[in-house]
Amino acid sequence: MAQVLTFIGKGGVGRTTMAIAAAKRLAQQGERVLLACQDPSP
């Protein structure tokens, strides 16, 4: 079953770091991982 993790919060609170850490951990456990950025700023 697919799971979706969403990291929200103001800028500078570590969202990117947490998302990458979670993705890395899941990948190390053999899970398939897709990271997607939905931030509209360039």
PDB file of N, CA and C in Angstrom:
ATOM      1  N   MET A   1       0.842  -1.170   0.000  1.00  0.00           N
ATOM      2  CA  MET A   1       0.000   0.000   0.000  1.00  0.00           C
ATOM      3  C   MET A   1       0.894   1.242   0.000  1.00  0.00           C
ATOM      4  N   ALA A   2       0.540   2.229  -0.787  1.00  0.00           N
ATOM      5  CA  ALA A   2       1.309   3.468  -0.885  1.00  0.00           C
ATOM      6  C   ALA A   2       1.089   4.342   0.341  1.00  0.00           C
ATOM      7  N   GLN A   3       2.140   5.043   0.726  1.00  0.00           N
ATOM      8  CA  GLN A   3       2.063   6.001   1.821  1.00  0.00           C
ATOM      9  C   GLN A   3       2.572   7.342   1.319  1.00  0.00           C
ATOM     10  N   VAL A   4       1.986   8.409   1.808  1.00  0.00           N
ATOM     11  CA  VAL A   4       2.417   9.756   1.449  1.00  0.00           C
ATOM     12  C   VAL A   4       2.827  10.478   2.724  1.00  0.00           C
ATOM     13  N   LEU A   5       4.057  10.976   2.745  1.00  0.00           N
ATOM     14  CA  LEU A   5       4.540  11.780   3.871  1.00  0.00           C
ATOM     15  C   LEU A   5       4.618  13.222   3.403  1.00  0.00           C
ATOM     16  N   THR A   6       4.112  14.129   4.196  1.00  0.00           N
ATOM     17  CA  THR A   6       4.139  15.548   3.860  1.00  0.00           C
ATOM     18  C   THR A   6       4.836  16.304   4.979  1.00  0.00           C
ATOM     19  N   PHE A   7       5.780  17.145   4.608  1.00  0.00           N
ATOM     20  CA  PHE A   7       6.496  17.962   5.578  1.00  0.00           C
ATOM     21  C   PHE A   7       6.080  19.408   5.355  1.00  0.00           C
ATOM     22  N   ILE A   8       5.481  20.028   6.377  1.00  0.00           N
ATOM     23  CA  ILE A   8       5.027  21.407   6.253  1.00  0.00           C
ATOM     24  C   ILE A   8       5.649  22.262   7.355  1.00  0.00           C
ATOM     25  N   GLY A   9       5.642  23.531   7.145  1.00  0.00           N
ATOM     26  CA  GLY A   9       6.184  24.461   8.133  1.00  0.00           C
ATOM     27  C   GLY A   9       6.746  25.686   7.441  1.00  0.00           C
ATOM     28  N   LYS A  10       7.128  26.654   8.224  1.00  0.00           N
ATOM     29  CA  LYS A  10       7.712  27.874   7.681  1.00  0.00           C
ATOM     30  C   LYS A  10       9.090  27.568   7.096  1.00  0.00           C
ATOM     31  N   GLY A  11       9.597  28.513   6.327  1.00  0.00           N
ATOM     32  CA  GLY A  11      10.932  28.366   5.763  1.00  0.00           C
ATOM     33  C   GLY A  11      12.002  28.303   6.842  1.00  0.00           C
ATOM     34  N   GLY A  12      13.043  27.533   6.574  1.00  0.00           N
ATOM     35  CA  GLY A  12      14.170  27.462   7.491  1.00  0.00           C
ATOM     36  C   GLY A  12      13.985  26.561   8.693  1.00  0.00           C
ATOM     37  N   VAL A  13      12.961  25.690   8.662  1.00  0.00           N
ATOM     38  CA  VAL A  13      12.723  24.812   9.811  1.00  0.00           C
ATOM     39  C   VAL A  13      13.213  23.382   9.572  1.00  0.00           C
ATOM     40  N   GLY A  14      13.830  23.125   8.414  1.00  0.00           N
ATOM     41  CA  GLY A  14      14.405  21.811   8.156  1.00  0.00           C
ATOM     42  C   GLY A  14      13.535  20.856   7.362  1.00  0.00           C
ATOM     43  N   ARG A  15      12.562  21.361   6.633  1.00  0.00           N
ATOM     44  CA  ARG A  15      11.681  20.476   5.852  1.00  0.00           C
ATOM     45  C   ARG A  15      12.462  19.637   4.854  1.00  0.00           C
ATOM     46  N   THR A  16      13.351  20.283   4.101  1.00  0.00           N
ATOM     47  CA  THR A  16      14.120  19.561   3.091  1.00  0.00           C
ATOM     48  C   THR A  16      15.008  18.512   3.742  1.00  0.00           C
ATOM     49  N   THR A  17      15.672  18.885   4.816  1.00  0.00           N
ATOM     50  CA  THR A  17      16.545  17.951   5.525  1.00  0.00           C
ATOM     51  C   THR A  17      15.761  16.750   6.037  1.00  0.00           C
ATOM     52  N   MET A  18      14.604  16.988   6.619  1.00  0.00           N
ATOM     53  CA  MET A  18      13.779  15.892   7.138  1.00  0.00           C
ATOM     54  C   MET A  18      13.247  15.007   6.013  1.00  0.00           C
ATOM     55  N   ALA A  19      12.841  15.619   4.907  1.00  0.00           N
ATOM     56  CA  ALA A  19      12.324  14.849   3.779  1.00  0.00           C
ATOM     57  C   ALA A  19      13.406  13.946   3.199  1.00  0.00           C
ATOM     58  N   ILE A  20      14.615  14.481   3.046  1.00  0.00           N
ATOM     59  CA  ILE A  20      15.717  13.690   2.509  1.00  0.00           C
ATOM     60  C   ILE A  20      16.099  12.577   3.475  1.00  0.00           C
ATOM     61  N   ALA A  21      16.146  12.876   4.761  1.00  0.00           N
ATOM     62  CA  ALA A  21      16.487  11.861   5.762  1.00  0.00           C
ATOM     63  C   ALA A  21      15.454  10.734   5.771  1.00  0.00           C
ATOM     64  N   ALA A  22      14.175  11.084   5.695  1.00  0.00           N
ATOM     65  CA  ALA A  22      13.119  10.067   5.686  1.00  0.00           C
ATOM     66  C   ALA A  22      13.203   9.223   4.421  1.00  0.00           C
ATOM     67  N   ALA A  23      13.430   9.867   3.279  1.00  0.00           N
ATOM     68  CA  ALA A  23      13.538   9.142   2.014  1.00  0.00           C
ATOM     69  C   ALA A  23      14.740   8.201   2.019  1.00  0.00           C
ATOM     70  N   LYS A  24      15.853   8.675   2.543  1.00  0.00           N
ATOM     71  CA  LYS A  24      17.063   7.845   2.610  1.00  0.00           C
ATOM     72  C   LYS A  24      16.835   6.623   3.491  1.00  0.00           C
ATOM     73  N   ARG A  25      16.223   6.836   4.636  1.00  0.00           N
ATOM     74  CA  ARG A  25      15.956   5.741   5.574  1.00  0.00           C
ATOM     75  C   ARG A  25      15.028   4.696   4.945  1.00  0.00           C
ATOM     76  N   LEU A  26      13.959   5.157   4.305  1.00  0.00           N
ATOM     77  CA  LEU A  26      13.024   4.235   3.663  1.00  0.00           C
ATOM     78  C   LEU A  26      13.701   3.466   2.531  1.00  0.00           C
ATOM     79  N   ALA A  27      14.534   4.152   1.742  1.00  0.00           N
ATOM     80  CA  ALA A  27      15.250   3.490   0.653  1.00  0.00           C
ATOM     81  C   ALA A  27      16.213   2.435   1.198  1.00  0.00           C
ATOM     82  N   GLN A  28      16.879   2.732   2.300  1.00  0.00           N
ATOM     83  CA  GLN A  28      17.791   1.768   2.923  1.00  0.00           C
ATOM     84  C   GLN A  28      17.049   0.537   3.425  1.00  0.00           C
ATOM     85  N   GLN A  29      15.775   0.708   3.736  1.00  0.00           N
ATOM     86  CA  GLN A  29      14.952  -0.406   4.198  1.00  0.00           C
ATOM     87  C   GLN A  29      14.314  -1.157   3.030  1.00  0.00           C
ATOM     88  N   GLY A  30      14.666  -0.768   1.800  1.00  0.00           N
ATOM     89  CA  GLY A  30      14.176  -1.464   0.624  1.00  0.00           C
ATOM     90  C   GLY A  30      12.882  -0.926   0.041  1.00  0.00           C
ATOM     91  N   GLU A  31      12.411   0.192   0.567  1.00  0.00           N
ATOM     92  CA  GLU A  31      11.174   0.788   0.049  1.00  0.00           C
ATOM     93  C   GLU A  31      11.476   1.601  -1.207  1.00  0.00           C
ATOM     94  N   ARG A  32      10.505   1.681  -2.092  1.00  0.00           N
ATOM     95  CA  ARG A  32      10.615   2.562  -3.252  1.00  0.00           C
ATOM     96  C   ARG A  32      10.226   3.963  -2.809  1.00  0.00           C
ATOM     97  N   VAL A  33      11.019   4.959  -3.224  1.00  0.00           N
ATOM     98  CA  VAL A  33      10.833   6.326  -2.734  1.00  0.00           C
ATOM     99  C   VAL A  33      10.789   7.303  -3.910  1.00  0.00           C
ATOM    100  N   LEU A  34       9.899   8.269  -3.828  1.00  0.00           N
ATOM    101  CA  LEU A  34       9.837   9.372  -4.784  1.00  0.00           C
ATOM    102  C   LEU A  34       9.753  10.666  -3.992  1.00  0.00           C
ATOM    103  N   LEU A  35      10.691  11.576  -4.237  1.00  0.00           N
ATOM    104  CA  LEU A  35      10.650  12.903  -3.619  1.00  0.00           C
ATOM    105  C   LEU A  35      10.143  13.890  -4.661  1.00  0.00           C
ATOM    106  N   ALA A  36       9.192  14.714  -4.293  1.00  0.00           N
ATOM    107  CA  ALA A  36       8.657  15.728  -5.198  1.00  0.00           C
ATOM    108  C   ALA A  36       8.534  17.046  -4.449  1.00  0.00           C
ATOM    109  N   CYS A  37       8.948  18.118  -5.093  1.00  0.00           N
ATOM    110  CA  CYS A  37       8.855  19.451  -4.501  1.00  0.00           C
ATOM    111  C   CYS A  37       7.632  20.161  -5.061  1.00  0.00           C
ATOM    112  N   GLN A  38       6.808  20.701  -4.202  1.00  0.00           N
ATOM    113  CA  GLN A  38       5.620  21.435  -4.622  1.00  0.00           C
ATOM    114  C   GLN A  38       5.734  22.916  -4.289  1.00  0.00           C
ATOM    115  N   ASP A  39       6.937  23.383  -3.992  1.00  0.00           N
ATOM    116  CA  ASP A  39       7.176  24.780  -3.644  1.00  0.00           C
ATOM    117  C   ASP A  39       7.108  25.634  -4.907  1.00  0.00           C
ATOM    118  N   PRO A  40       6.203  26.609  -4.964  1.00  0.00           N
ATOM    119  CA  PRO A  40       6.060  27.418  -6.173  1.00  0.00           C
ATOM    120  C   PRO A  40       7.174  28.446  -6.377  1.00  0.00           C
ATOM    121  N   SER A  41       7.964  28.717  -5.354  1.00  0.00           N
ATOM    122  CA  SER A  41       9.029  29.708  -5.516  1.00  0.00           C
ATOM    123  C   SER A  41      10.199  29.091  -6.286  1.00  0.00           C
ATOM    124  N   PRO A  42      10.895  29.912  -7.069  1.00  0.00           N
ATOM    125  CA  PRO A  42      11.986  29.400  -7.928  1.00  0.00           C
ATOM    126  C   PRO A  42      13.178  28.918  -7.153  1.00  0.00           C
TER     127      PRO A  42
END
